[in-house]
C-alpha atoms as a PDB file:
ATOM      1  CA  MET A   1      66.708 -47.729 -66.718  1.00  0.00           C
ATOM      2  CA  VAL A   2      65.325 -46.606 -70.073  1.00  0.00           C
ATOM      3  CA  GLU A   3      61.907 -48.014 -70.818  1.00  0.00           C
ATOM      4  CA  GLU A   4      60.015 -48.114 -74.051  1.00  0.00           C
ATOM      5  CA  LYS A   5      57.848 -45.021 -74.019  1.00  0.00           C
ATOM      6  CA  GLU A   6      56.321 -42.353 -76.110  1.00  0.00           C
ATOM      7  CA  ASN A   7      58.748 -39.478 -76.607  1.00  0.00           C
ATOM      8  CA  LYS A   8      56.376 -36.574 -75.994  1.00  0.00           C
ATOM      9  CA  GLU A   9      59.046 -33.949 -76.648  1.00  0.00           C
ATOM     10  CA  ASN A  10      59.863 -35.508 -80.034  1.00  0.00           C
ATOM     11  CA  LYS A  11      63.577 -35.286 -79.289  1.00  0.00           C
ATOM     12  CA  TYR A  12      65.354 -37.947 -81.266  1.00  0.00           C
ATOM     13  CA  LEU A  13      68.718 -39.034 -79.961  1.00  0.00           C
ATOM     14  CA  TYR A  14      69.686 -41.283 -82.863  1.00  0.00           C
ATOM     15  CA  GLN A  15      69.065 -41.568 -86.584  1.00  0.00           C
ATOM     16  CA  VAL A  16      68.352 -45.204 -87.480  1.00  0.00           C
ATOM     17  CA  TYR A  17      68.492 -46.740 -90.944  1.00  0.00           C
ATOM     18  CA  ILE A  18      66.795 -50.127 -91.235  1.00  0.00           C
ATOM     19  CA  ALA A  19      68.138 -52.199 -94.115  1.00  0.00           C
ATOM     20  CA  SER A  20      65.820 -55.020 -95.060  1.00  0.00           C
ATOM     21  CA  PRO A  21      64.522 -57.091 -97.932  1.00  0.00           C
ATOM     22  CA  PHE A  22      60.842 -56.470 -98.679  1.00  0.00           C
ATOM     23  CA  PHE A  23      60.091 -58.806-101.578  1.00  0.00           C
ATOM     24  CA  ASN A  24      57.400 -60.939 -99.929  1.00  0.00           C
ATOM     25  CA  GLU A  25      54.873 -60.743 -97.072  1.00  0.00           C
ATOM     26  CA  GLU A  26      57.133 -62.522 -94.565  1.00  0.00           C
ATOM     27  CA  GLN A  27      59.942 -60.014 -95.146  1.00  0.00           C
ATOM     28  CA  ILE A  28      57.583 -57.038 -94.937  1.00  0.00           C
ATOM     29  CA  GLU A  29      56.044 -58.362 -91.721  1.00  0.00           C
ATOM     30  CA  ARG A  30      59.516 -58.861 -90.192  1.00  0.00           C
ATOM     31  CA  LEU A  31      60.518 -55.313 -91.194  1.00  0.00           C
ATOM     32  CA  ASN A  32      57.306 -53.940 -89.675  1.00  0.00           C
ATOM     33  CA  ARG A  33      57.891 -55.827 -86.391  1.00  0.00           C
ATOM     34  CA  VAL A  34      61.454 -54.508 -86.134  1.00  0.00           C
ATOM     35  CA  ARG A  35      60.386 -50.964 -87.001  1.00  0.00           C
ATOM     36  CA  GLU A  36      57.572 -51.083 -84.437  1.00  0.00           C
ATOM     37  CA  VAL A  37      59.986 -52.115 -81.664  1.00  0.00           C
ATOM     38  CA  VAL A  38      62.358 -49.270 -82.520  1.00  0.00           C
ATOM     39  CA  GLU A  39      59.503 -46.742 -82.755  1.00  0.00           C
ATOM     40  CA  LYS A  40      58.164 -47.640 -79.303  1.00  0.00           C
ATOM     41  CA  PHE A  41      61.260 -46.225 -77.650  1.00  0.00           C
ATOM     42  CA  GLY A  42      60.529 -42.799 -79.071  1.00  0.00           C
ATOM     43  CA  TYR A  43      64.169 -41.723 -79.215  1.00  0.00           C
ATOM     44  CA  PHE A  44      65.059 -43.099 -82.631  1.00  0.00           C
ATOM     45  CA  LYS A  45      64.280 -41.317 -85.909  1.00  0.00           C
ATOM     46  CA  ILE A  46      63.781 -44.198 -88.331  1.00  0.00           C
ATOM     47  CA  TRP A  47      64.218 -44.410 -92.074  1.00  0.00           C
ATOM     48  CA  ASP A  48      63.830 -47.484 -94.252  1.00  0.00           C
ATOM     49  CA  VAL A  49      63.485 -47.884 -98.004  1.00  0.00           C
ATOM     50  CA  TYR A  50      60.137 -49.685 -97.920  1.00  0.00           C
ATOM     51  CA  HIS A  51      58.299 -47.062 -95.852  1.00  0.00           C
ATOM     52  CA  ASP A  52      60.273 -43.919 -96.623  1.00  0.00           C
ATOM     53  CA  GLY A  53      62.248 -44.429 -99.829  1.00  0.00           C
ATOM     54  CA  ILE A  54      61.779 -43.299-103.389  1.00  0.00           C
ATOM     55  CA  ILE A  55      59.448 -45.549-105.337  1.00  0.00           C
ATOM     56  CA  ILE A  56      61.202 -46.478-108.539  1.00  0.00           C
ATOM     57  CA  ASP A  57      60.126 -47.523-111.975  1.00  0.00           C
ATOM     58  CA  GLU A  58      62.762 -50.042-113.021  1.00  0.00           C
ATOM     59  CA  LYS A  59      62.867 -48.554-116.525  1.00  0.00           C
ATOM     60  CA  ASN A  60      63.472 -45.002-115.288  1.00  0.00           C
ATOM     61  CA  LYS A  61      67.254 -44.652-114.981  1.00  0.00           C
ATOM     62  CA  PHE A  62      66.974 -41.226-113.358  1.00  0.00           C
ATOM     63  CA  LEU A  63      64.726 -42.510-110.532  1.00  0.00           C
ATOM     64  CA  ARG A  64      66.941 -45.555-110.010  1.00  0.00           C
ATOM     65  CA  GLU A  65      69.972 -43.304-109.633  1.00  0.00           C
ATOM     66  CA  GLU A  66      68.098 -40.931-107.300  1.00  0.00           C
ATOM     67  CA  ALA A  67      66.865 -43.815-105.127  1.00  0.00           C
ATOM     68  CA  PHE A  68      70.394 -45.245-104.904  1.00  0.00           C
ATOM     69  CA  LYS A  69      71.922 -41.882-103.953  1.00  0.00           C
ATOM     70  CA  GLU A  70      69.169 -41.178-101.387  1.00  0.00           C
ATOM     71  CA  ASN A  71      69.673 -44.554 -99.717  1.00  0.00           C
ATOM     72  CA  LEU A  72      73.426 -43.959 -99.445  1.00  0.00           C
ATOM     73  CA  ARG A  73      72.858 -40.428 -98.112  1.00  0.00           C
ATOM     74  CA  ARG A  74      70.464 -41.767 -95.463  1.00  0.00           C
ATOM     75  CA  ILE A  75      72.985 -44.390 -94.386  1.00  0.00           C
ATOM     76  CA  ARG A  76      75.728 -41.748 -94.069  1.00  0.00           C
ATOM     77  CA  LYS A  77      73.420 -39.595 -91.890  1.00  0.00           C
ATOM     78  CA  SER A  78      72.545 -42.467 -89.564  1.00  0.00           C
ATOM     79  CA  ASP A  79      74.044 -43.236 -86.181  1.00  0.00           C
ATOM     80  CA  ILE A  80      72.673 -46.778 -86.121  1.00  0.00           C
ATOM     81  CA  LEU A  81      72.058 -49.228 -88.920  1.00  0.00           C
ATOM     82  CA  ILE A  82      69.847 -52.237 -88.282  1.00  0.00           C
ATOM     83  CA  ALA A  83      70.332 -54.859 -90.983  1.00  0.00           C
ATOM     84  CA  ILE A  84      67.749 -57.615 -91.218  1.00  0.00           C
ATOM     85  CA  THR A  85      69.988 -60.398 -92.487  1.00  0.00           C
ATOM     86  CA  ASP A  86      67.340 -63.126 -92.788  1.00  0.00           C
ATOM     87  CA  GLY A  87      67.397 -64.291 -96.386  1.00  0.00           C
ATOM     88  CA  LYS A  88      70.827 -62.752 -97.024  1.00  0.00           C
ATOM     89  CA  ASP A  89      69.446 -60.172 -99.444  1.00  0.00           C
ATOM     90  CA  MET A  90      72.278 -58.685-101.524  1.00  0.00           C
ATOM     91  CA  GLY A  91      70.968 -55.109-101.175  1.00  0.00           C
ATOM     92  CA  THR A  92      70.739 -55.388 -97.396  1.00  0.00           C
ATOM     93  CA  ILE A  93      74.245 -56.876 -97.210  1.00  0.00           C
ATOM     94  CA  PHE A  94      75.557 -54.008 -99.358  1.00  0.00           C
ATOM     95  CA  GLU A  95      73.863 -51.448 -97.089  1.00  0.00           C
ATOM     96  CA  LEU A  96      75.372 -53.100 -94.006  1.00  0.00           C
ATOM     97  CA  GLY A  97      78.858 -53.006 -95.538  1.00  0.00           C
ATOM     98  CA  TYR A  98      78.473 -49.406 -96.652  1.00  0.00           C
ATOM     99  CA  GLY A  99      77.086 -48.433 -93.253  1.00  0.00           C
ATOM    100  CA  TYR A 100      80.078 -49.962 -91.493  1.00  0.00           C
ATOM    101  CA  ASN A 101      82.091 -46.942 -92.650  1.00  0.00           C
ATOM    102  CA  TYR A 102      79.581 -44.371 -91.413  1.00  0.00           C
ATOM    103  CA  CYS A 103      77.377 -45.646 -88.599  1.00  0.00           C
ATOM    104  CA  GLU A 104      78.494 -45.805 -84.970  1.00  0.00           C
ATOM    105  CA  ILE A 105      76.511 -48.969 -84.313  1.00  0.00           C
ATOM    106  CA  ILE A 106      75.496 -51.807 -86.626  1.00  0.00           C
ATOM    107  CA  ILE A 107      72.855 -54.224 -85.363  1.00  0.00           C
ATOM    108  CA  GLY A 108      72.350 -57.455 -87.262  1.00  0.00           C
ATOM    109  CA  TYR A 109      68.810 -58.766 -86.884  1.00  0.00           C
ATOM    110  CA  ALA A 110      68.714 -62.512 -87.605  1.00  0.00           C
ATOM    111  CA  GLU A 111      65.500 -64.261 -86.512  1.00  0.00           C
ATOM    112  CA  THR A 112      66.196 -67.355 -88.584  1.00  0.00           C
ATOM    113  CA  LEU A 113      69.860 -67.765 -87.630  1.00  0.00           C
ATOM    114  CA  GLY A 114      69.269 -70.097 -84.693  1.00  0.00           C
ATOM    115  CA  GLU A 115      72.443 -72.099 -84.114  1.00  0.00           C
ATOM    116  CA  LYS A 116      73.517 -71.974 -87.775  1.00  0.00           C
ATOM    117  CA  LYS A 117      76.859 -70.544 -88.821  1.00  0.00           C
ATOM    118  CA  PHE A 118      77.014 -66.830 -89.562  1.00  0.00           C
ATOM    119  CA  ASN A 119      79.035 -65.111 -92.258  1.00  0.00           C
ATOM    120  CA  LEU A 120      82.427 -63.797 -91.062  1.00  0.00           C
ATOM    121  CA  MET A 121      82.091 -60.357 -92.660  1.00  0.00           C
ATOM    122  CA  LEU A 122      78.592 -59.835 -91.268  1.00  0.00           C
ATOM    123  CA  ALA A 123      79.544 -61.099 -87.815  1.00  0.00           C
ATOM    124  CA  GLN A 124      82.581 -58.819 -87.609  1.00  0.00           C
ATOM    125  CA  SER A 125      80.705 -55.803 -88.990  1.00  0.00           C
ATOM    126  CA  CYS A 126      77.943 -55.936 -86.403  1.00  0.00           C
ATOM    127  CA  SER A 127      78.262 -54.299 -83.002  1.00  0.00           C
ATOM    128  CA  ALA A 128      75.469 -56.627 -81.852  1.00  0.00           C
ATOM    129  CA  ILE A 129      73.294 -59.451 -83.170  1.00  0.00           C
ATOM    130  CA  ALA A 130      69.627 -59.708 -82.201  1.00  0.00           C
ATOM    131  CA  LYS A 131      68.047 -63.115 -82.810  1.00  0.00           C
ATOM    132  CA  ASN A 132      64.586 -61.959 -81.748  1.00  0.00           C
ATOM    133  CA  LEU A 133      62.627 -58.866 -80.788  1.00  0.00           C
ATOM    134  CA  GLU A 134      63.494 -59.217 -77.092  1.00  0.00           C
ATOM    135  CA  ASP A 135      67.207 -59.117 -77.946  1.00  0.00           C
ATOM    136  CA  LEU A 136      66.585 -56.033 -80.084  1.00  0.00           C
ATOM    137  CA  LYS A 137      64.749 -54.283 -77.242  1.00  0.00           C
ATOM    138  CA  GLU A 138      67.610 -55.003 -74.845  1.00  0.00           C
ATOM    139  CA  ILE A 139      70.223 -53.780 -77.324  1.00  0.00           C
ATOM    140  CA  LEU A 140      68.294 -50.542 -77.878  1.00  0.00           C
ATOM    141  CA  LYS A 141      67.945 -50.011 -74.120  1.00  0.00           C
ATOM    142  CA  ARG A 142      71.689 -50.492 -73.701  1.00  0.00           C
ATOM    143  CA  ILE A 143      72.396 -48.006 -76.477  1.00  0.00           C
ATOM    144  CA  LEU A 144      70.198 -45.392 -74.795  1.00  0.00           C
ATOM    145  CA  GLU A 145      71.884 -46.084 -71.451  1.00  0.00           C
ATOM    146  CA  HIS A 146      75.375 -46.026 -73.050  1.00  0.00           C
ATOM    147  CA  ARG A 147      75.995 -49.578 -71.842  1.00  0.00           C
ATOM    148  CA  ASP A 148      78.218 -52.298 -73.257  1.00  0.00           C
ATOM    149  CA  LEU A 149      76.897 -54.384 -76.169  1.00  0.00           C
ATOM    150  CA  SER A 150      79.557 -57.113 -76.025  1.00  0.00           C
ATOM    151  CA  GLU A 151      77.071 -59.673 -74.717  1.00  0.00           C
ATOM    152  CA  PHE A 152      75.310 -59.418 -78.080  1.00  0.00           C
ATOM    153  CA  GLN A 153      78.366 -59.778 -80.302  1.00  0.00           C
ATOM    154  CA  TYR A 154      78.351 -62.906 -82.433  1.00  0.00           C
ATOM    155  CA  GLU A 155      80.580 -65.632 -81.013  1.00  0.00           C
ATOM    156  CA  GLY A 156      79.159 -68.680 -82.796  1.00  0.00           C
ATOM    157  CA  GLU A 157      80.554 -70.637 -85.694  1.00  0.00           C
ATOM    158  CA  ILE A 158      81.555 -68.758 -88.827  1.00  0.00           C
ATOM    159  CA  GLU A 159      80.854 -69.821 -92.382  1.00  0.00           C
END
């Protein structure tokens, strides 16, 4: 069984793109918690806009275009996309949809979902839904062990 551990050989097995809103402290803290869980495994090379992306000046059209192109390029290079869907941020939803065409595995991370209905397009796009960090850890372990993720597919009510 794969355990969370430090990857001393620095051999990454998967490229991971984390799509997330980061417009307030709660969103940034959630992103940091998710990123920390993924990092602890040591086998995932992580990229997210908040920590790794191009900082843009909204008035600079060139930088906006470069940031957009870089984000899309990073998604295309990724094996796994983790989309933090809490708050239903339009940018994150776009990244998830775009990633559906390129990434082998899409993980929806939805801490605030609870028993609420989930969007049809998001539910069907995701290989697995994690409602908490423990779910995310288990999904990542299963990916590393090449095990089935069907237990984590969304089967609740659709909105």
